[in-house]
Amino acid sequence: MTAGWLRGVIRSTTGAVVPQTVVKFGGSLLVRRTWRDELRSLMADCVGPTTIVVGGGPVVDGLRALDAASPCSAEVMHRAAIDAMGITARLAAEAASLKLAAEPACDERPVVLDAAAWLSLAGRYDDLPVGWHVTSDSIAAAVATACGAALLLAKSMPPPEFAGSLASLAQAGWVDDHFPTAAADLERIEWAVPEGISPTSSR
């Protein structure tokens, strides 16, 4: 049985089709039994160069718990969380038989991005604030901005109804607090959730 997705548009400033796509595949999806099939079906629906940024999910949640119990420096935890995204990225690349890459896709072959490697290039770490308010949402937005791509946010819950703005999505906790800034210049932002999840569900 093919896994399907419900999809919608958060922002479309021109109505034109953007030739590249960055997919943020939420880490919360990784605890779903069907996540491998869902990732493959999502990739099958993408057209043009497609770059996948995988959230840290339970791996980063573990770091948050460690930091809450015995706080470390913000810089150390920031880097550790991004490094942890490399673990989930490798899992996703293996599951979908895709290349793990340090640069976004440049042709029709989708890639899973090694976020830490990409951020290390040309000092991109310096472009991100340090702290738990910056997550893979903002990193995916930064990648999409850098390569002029559309951004597809694939998550385990749909955005809240009548959000109206990126700031309201952040206030509702659907994206991180830095996302409205990181995504400010994007022309097209879409969302996707696996079929079977109610569009009226809350986070």
Protein backbone atom coordinates (compact mmCIF):
# COMPACT_ATOMS: atom_id res chain seq x y z
CA MET A 1 0.00 0.00 0.00
CA THR A 2 1.43 3.36 -1.05
CA ALA A 3 1.78 5.94 1.72
CA GLY A 4 0.06 9.22 0.85
CA TRP A 5 0.28 12.82 1.99
CA LEU A 6 -2.07 15.70 2.61
CA ARG A 7 -0.56 18.96 1.34
CA GLY A 8 -1.25 22.66 1.41
CA VAL A 9 0.31 26.05 0.72
CA ILE A 10 1.48 28.42 3.43
CA ARG A 11 2.93 31.10 1.15
CA SER A 12 3.04 31.65 -2.61
CA THR A 13 4.15 35.17 -3.46
CA THR A 14 4.21 34.87 -7.24
CA GLY A 15 2.13 31.81 -8.07
CA ALA A 16 4.98 30.61 -10.26
CA VAL A 17 6.48 27.15 -9.95
CA VAL A 18 9.85 27.23 -8.18
CA PRO A 19 12.22 24.82 -9.97
CA GLN A 20 13.95 23.45 -6.85
CA THR A 21 12.56 22.10 -3.59
CA VAL A 22 13.97 21.73 -0.11
CA VAL A 23 12.00 19.23 1.98
CA LYS A 24 12.22 19.47 5.76
CA PHE A 25 11.34 15.93 6.87
CA GLY A 26 10.35 16.34 10.50
CA GLY A 27 12.16 14.29 13.09
CA SER A 28 8.84 13.50 14.76
CA LEU A 29 7.93 11.45 11.67
CA LEU A 30 10.79 9.05 12.37
CA VAL A 31 8.90 7.39 15.21
CA ARG A 32 6.08 6.40 12.86
CA ARG A 33 6.19 2.76 11.82
CA THR A 34 5.53 3.76 8.20
CA TRP A 35 8.06 6.60 7.93
CA ARG A 36 10.28 4.87 5.33
CA ASP A 37 7.37 4.34 2.94
CA GLU A 38 6.15 7.88 3.62
CA LEU A 39 9.55 9.36 2.79
CA ARG A 40 9.77 7.39 -0.45
CA SER A 41 6.26 8.45 -1.52
CA LEU A 42 6.99 12.10 -0.71
CA MET A 43 10.13 11.99 -2.85
CA ALA A 44 8.17 10.43 -5.71
CA ASP A 45 5.90 13.48 -5.75
CA CYS A 46 8.76 16.00 -5.95
CA VAL A 47 9.80 17.44 -9.32
CA GLY A 48 13.19 18.93 -10.10
CA PRO A 49 16.27 19.07 -7.85
CA THR A 50 15.16 18.07 -4.35
CA THR A 51 17.14 18.39 -1.13
CA ILE A 52 15.97 16.70 2.08
CA VAL A 53 16.79 18.18 5.48
CA VAL A 54 15.93 15.66 8.20
CA GLY A 55 14.99 16.85 11.67
CA GLY A 56 16.74 15.50 14.73
CA GLY A 57 13.64 13.96 16.30
CA PRO A 58 14.16 11.75 19.36
CA VAL A 59 17.95 12.06 19.06
CA VAL A 60 17.83 15.83 19.61
CA ASP A 61 15.06 15.41 22.19
CA GLY A 62 17.56 13.39 24.20
CA LEU A 63 20.04 16.27 24.05
CA ARG A 64 17.33 18.68 25.20
CA ALA A 65 16.66 16.42 28.18
CA LEU A 66 20.36 16.28 29.05
CA ASP A 67 20.63 20.06 28.79
CA ALA A 68 17.57 20.54 30.99
CA ALA A 69 18.97 18.22 33.66
CA SER A 70 22.48 19.67 33.63
CA PRO A 71 22.82 22.73 31.36
CA CYS A 72 25.76 22.99 29.02
CA SER A 73 26.88 26.05 27.09
CA ALA A 74 24.42 27.12 24.40
CA GLU A 75 27.12 26.86 21.73
CA VAL A 76 28.00 23.27 22.68
CA MET A 77 24.37 22.14 22.63
CA HIS A 78 23.69 24.02 19.37
CA ARG A 79 26.52 22.19 17.60
CA ALA A 80 25.64 18.87 19.21
CA ALA A 81 22.02 19.13 18.06
CA ILE A 82 23.09 19.86 14.48
CA ASP A 83 25.56 16.97 14.61
CA ALA A 84 22.69 14.76 15.83
CA MET A 85 20.79 15.65 12.66
CA GLY A 86 23.55 13.78 10.84
CA ILE A 87 22.39 10.55 12.48
CA THR A 88 18.81 10.94 11.29
CA ALA A 89 20.03 12.10 7.88
CA ARG A 90 22.01 8.90 7.45
CA LEU A 91 18.98 6.83 8.44
CA ALA A 92 16.81 8.66 5.88
CA ALA A 93 19.41 8.37 3.13
CA GLU A 94 19.66 4.62 3.68
CA ALA A 95 15.89 4.19 3.86
CA ALA A 96 15.29 6.00 0.56
CA SER A 97 18.50 4.81 -1.17
CA LEU A 98 19.65 8.41 -1.60
CA LYS A 99 23.03 10.08 -1.47
CA LEU A 100 24.07 11.86 1.74
CA ALA A 101 25.58 15.14 0.51
CA ALA A 102 27.25 18.27 1.85
CA GLU A 103 25.61 20.45 -0.82
CA PRO A 104 21.99 20.78 -2.04
CA ALA A 105 20.85 18.81 -5.08
CA CYS A 106 22.06 20.18 -8.42
CA ASP A 107 20.21 17.82 -10.78
CA GLU A 108 17.18 15.55 -10.85
CA ARG A 109 18.65 13.12 -8.29
CA PRO A 110 17.38 13.96 -4.78
CA VAL A 111 19.90 14.12 -1.95
CA VAL A 112 19.73 14.04 1.83
CA LEU A 113 21.70 16.99 3.17
CA ASP A 114 24.37 16.63 5.83
CA ALA A 115 23.37 19.84 7.62
CA ALA A 116 26.53 20.11 9.71
CA ALA A 117 28.75 19.80 6.64
CA TRP A 118 26.69 22.36 4.71
CA LEU A 119 26.74 24.86 7.57
CA SER A 120 30.51 24.46 7.91
CA LEU A 121 31.02 25.56 4.31
CA ALA A 122 31.74 29.30 3.97
CA GLY A 123 31.05 29.87 7.67
CA ARG A 124 27.29 29.44 7.50
CA TYR A 125 27.16 28.60 11.21
CA ASP A 126 27.67 32.31 11.83
CA ASP A 127 24.38 33.10 10.06
CA LEU A 128 22.32 31.20 12.64
CA PRO A 129 21.55 32.38 16.17
CA VAL A 130 22.62 29.94 18.86
CA GLY A 131 19.96 28.29 21.00
CA TRP A 132 17.06 25.89 21.16
CA HIS A 133 14.88 28.45 19.35
CA VAL A 134 16.71 27.47 16.14
CA THR A 135 15.86 24.00 14.83
CA SER A 136 15.85 22.09 11.56
CA ASP A 137 12.91 24.29 10.48
CA SER A 138 15.18 27.31 10.26
CA ILE A 139 18.08 25.30 8.84
CA ALA A 140 15.85 24.01 6.04
CA ALA A 141 14.65 27.57 5.39
CA ALA A 142 18.27 28.75 5.21
CA VAL A 143 19.08 26.03 2.67
CA ALA A 144 16.04 26.93 0.57
CA THR A 145 16.94 30.61 0.68
CA ALA A 146 20.55 29.91 -0.33
CA CYS A 147 19.54 27.96 -3.45
CA GLY A 148 16.35 29.84 -4.40
CA ALA A 149 14.16 26.83 -3.71
CA ALA A 150 10.63 26.27 -2.52
CA LEU A 151 10.34 24.86 1.00
CA LEU A 152 8.12 21.91 1.86
CA LEU A 153 7.61 21.34 5.59
CA ALA A 154 6.71 17.68 6.11
CA LYS A 155 5.58 17.23 9.69
CA SER A 156 3.52 14.94 11.89
CA MET A 157 0.88 17.63 12.43
CA PRO A 158 -0.66 20.15 9.99
CA PRO A 159 -0.27 23.87 10.62
CA PRO A 160 -2.87 25.51 12.85
CA GLU A 161 -5.93 26.81 11.02
CA PHE A 162 -6.06 30.48 10.06
CA ALA A 163 -2.41 31.00 10.99
CA GLY A 164 -2.17 34.03 8.72
CA SER A 165 1.58 34.62 9.07
CA LEU A 166 4.87 32.89 9.70
CA ALA A 167 5.02 34.62 13.08
CA SER A 168 1.72 33.05 14.09
CA LEU A 169 3.06 29.61 13.13
CA ALA A 170 6.03 30.21 15.42
CA GLN A 171 3.80 31.46 18.23
CA ALA A 172 1.73 28.27 17.91
CA GLY A 173 4.90 26.17 18.17
CA TRP A 174 4.47 24.62 14.71
CA VAL A 175 7.82 26.05 13.58
CA ASP A 176 10.71 27.35 15.65
CA ASP A 177 10.94 30.95 16.83
CA HIS A 178 13.65 31.91 14.32
CA PHE A 179 11.77 30.52 11.33
CA PRO A 180 9.91 33.75 10.38
CA THR A 181 13.31 35.44 9.96
CA ALA A 182 15.01 32.49 8.26
CA ALA A 183 12.13 32.05 5.78
CA ALA A 184 11.41 35.75 5.19
CA ASP A 185 12.68 35.76 1.58
CA LEU A 186 11.17 32.46 0.44
CA GLU A 187 8.66 32.75 -2.41
CA ARG A 188 6.90 29.46 -1.78
CA ILE A 189 6.34 27.46 1.41
CA GLU A 190 4.15 24.35 1.54
CA TRP A 191 3.22 21.84 4.20
CA ALA A 192 2.59 18.10 4.13
CA VAL A 193 1.39 15.55 6.68
CA PRO A 194 0.83 11.81 6.26
CA GLU A 195 -2.68 10.81 5.25
CA GLY A 196 -4.82 9.74 8.17
CA ILE A 197 -3.80 12.68 10.35
CA SER A 198 -6.69 15.08 10.87
CA PRO A 199 -6.16 18.57 9.40
CA THR A 200 -7.65 19.95 12.61
CA SER A 201 -5.18 18.19 14.88
CA SER A 202 -3.10 20.37 17.18
CA ARG A 203 0.61 20.05 17.98
